[in-house]
């Protein structure tokens, strides 16, 4: 792989990570308007696919990057599901009042 193509893939992967971080920030601090949450939620799979495509084409092993991205992605996706479909989501623990990604991760691993 030539250096230019490699740099494009690294940039594509970084852009996907940045978009996911902005999604997470929106959930944690955003206005949470229903329509905006729906539109953003629909874009999540595109972000994941772009990251996965770039990651797969880079022939070096970045499994730690992949695991971190996947953990963040699934936490954000789960939070969107809770916010958009509260009746279909399992109830959160009464002891958890935080909307942080760590509480999302806790709910997913329980």
Protein backbone atom coordinates (compact mmCIF):
# COMPACT_ATOMS: atom_id res chain seq x y z
CA UNK A 1 0.00 0.00 0.00
CA UNK A 2 1.39 3.38 -0.93
CA UNK A 3 1.82 6.14 1.63
CA UNK A 4 -0.95 8.31 0.16
CA UNK A 5 -3.57 5.54 0.33
CA UNK A 6 -2.47 4.65 3.86
CA UNK A 7 -2.82 8.28 4.97
CA UNK A 8 -6.31 8.46 3.43
CA UNK A 9 -7.37 5.38 5.39
CA UNK A 10 -5.89 6.68 8.64
CA UNK A 11 -7.71 9.99 8.07
CA UNK A 12 -10.99 8.19 7.27
CA UNK A 13 -10.66 6.20 10.48
CA UNK A 14 -9.91 9.36 12.50
CA UNK A 15 -12.93 11.14 10.99
CA UNK A 16 -15.18 8.23 11.98
CA UNK A 17 -13.81 8.31 15.53
CA UNK A 18 -14.42 12.07 15.69
CA UNK A 19 -18.00 11.70 14.48
CA UNK A 20 -18.68 9.03 17.07
CA UNK A 21 -17.24 11.26 19.80
CA UNK A 22 -19.55 14.09 18.67
CA UNK A 23 -22.52 11.71 18.80
CA UNK A 24 -21.58 10.75 22.33
CA UNK A 25 -21.23 14.40 23.34
CA UNK A 26 -24.63 15.16 21.81
CA UNK A 27 -26.27 12.44 23.89
CA UNK A 28 -24.59 13.58 27.07
CA UNK A 29 -25.05 17.32 26.64
CA UNK A 30 -27.42 17.81 23.69
CA UNK A 31 -30.89 19.29 23.62
CA UNK A 32 -32.34 15.82 22.89
CA UNK A 33 -35.00 16.84 20.41
CA UNK A 34 -36.71 13.68 19.17
CA UNK A 35 -36.32 14.37 15.45
CA UNK A 36 -32.66 15.28 15.80
CA UNK A 37 -31.99 12.15 17.85
CA UNK A 38 -33.65 10.01 15.17
CA UNK A 39 -31.59 11.55 12.37
CA UNK A 40 -28.35 11.19 14.33
CA UNK A 41 -29.20 7.62 15.28
CA UNK A 42 -29.70 6.73 11.62
CA UNK A 43 -26.18 7.99 10.85
CA UNK A 44 -24.52 5.69 13.39
CA UNK A 45 -24.26 2.66 11.11
CA UNK A 46 -22.62 4.81 8.43
CA UNK A 47 -19.98 5.93 10.94
CA UNK A 48 -19.34 2.34 11.97
CA UNK A 49 -19.07 1.18 8.34
CA UNK A 50 -16.57 3.90 7.45
CA UNK A 51 -14.40 3.03 10.43
CA UNK A 52 -14.62 -0.69 9.68
CA UNK A 53 -13.76 -0.20 6.00
CA UNK A 54 -10.69 1.88 6.79
CA UNK A 55 -9.62 -0.43 9.61
CA UNK A 56 -9.92 -3.52 7.41
CA UNK A 57 -7.91 -2.01 4.58
CA UNK A 58 -5.08 -1.04 6.90
CA UNK A 59 -3.10 -4.26 7.06
CA UNK A 60 -1.52 -3.48 10.41
CA UNK A 61 -3.12 -4.71 13.60
CA UNK A 62 -4.94 -2.03 15.57
CA UNK A 63 -7.15 -4.34 17.58
CA UNK A 64 -7.05 -2.03 20.61
CA UNK A 65 -8.34 0.84 18.44
CA UNK A 66 -11.06 -1.39 17.04
CA UNK A 67 -12.14 -2.60 20.48
CA UNK A 68 -12.26 0.92 21.88
CA UNK A 69 -14.24 2.19 18.89
CA UNK A 70 -16.68 -0.72 19.08
CA UNK A 71 -17.21 -0.22 22.82
CA UNK A 72 -17.96 3.46 22.29
CA UNK A 73 -20.14 2.77 19.25
CA UNK A 74 -22.31 0.19 20.99
CA UNK A 75 -22.65 2.38 24.09
CA UNK A 76 -23.81 5.32 21.96
CA UNK A 77 -26.18 3.12 19.95
CA UNK A 78 -27.65 1.65 23.14
CA UNK A 79 -28.16 5.12 24.61
CA UNK A 80 -29.95 6.27 21.45
CA UNK A 81 -32.19 3.20 21.71
CA UNK A 82 -33.02 4.00 25.33
CA UNK A 83 -33.79 7.62 24.50
CA UNK A 84 -35.79 6.90 21.34
CA UNK A 85 -37.64 3.80 22.57
CA UNK A 86 -37.91 4.06 26.36
CA UNK A 87 -40.77 1.56 26.68
CA UNK A 88 -38.87 -1.12 24.76
CA UNK A 89 -35.68 -0.70 26.80
CA UNK A 90 -35.02 -2.62 30.00
CA UNK A 91 -35.33 -0.42 33.10
CA UNK A 92 -32.13 1.13 34.39
CA UNK A 93 -31.02 0.48 37.93
CA UNK A 94 -32.60 2.80 40.49
CA UNK A 95 -29.10 3.52 41.77
CA UNK A 96 -27.93 4.87 38.42
CA UNK A 97 -28.95 8.45 37.81
CA UNK A 98 -26.02 9.39 35.58
CA UNK A 99 -26.34 9.63 31.81
CA UNK A 100 -22.65 9.00 31.22
CA UNK A 101 -21.22 6.40 28.89
CA UNK A 102 -19.94 4.45 31.89
CA UNK A 103 -23.50 3.90 33.10
CA UNK A 104 -24.46 2.80 29.60
CA UNK A 105 -21.57 0.38 29.55
CA UNK A 106 -22.60 -0.94 32.98
CA UNK A 107 -26.14 -1.57 31.74
CA UNK A 108 -24.85 -3.38 28.66
CA UNK A 109 -22.53 -5.66 30.58
CA UNK A 110 -25.03 -6.59 33.29
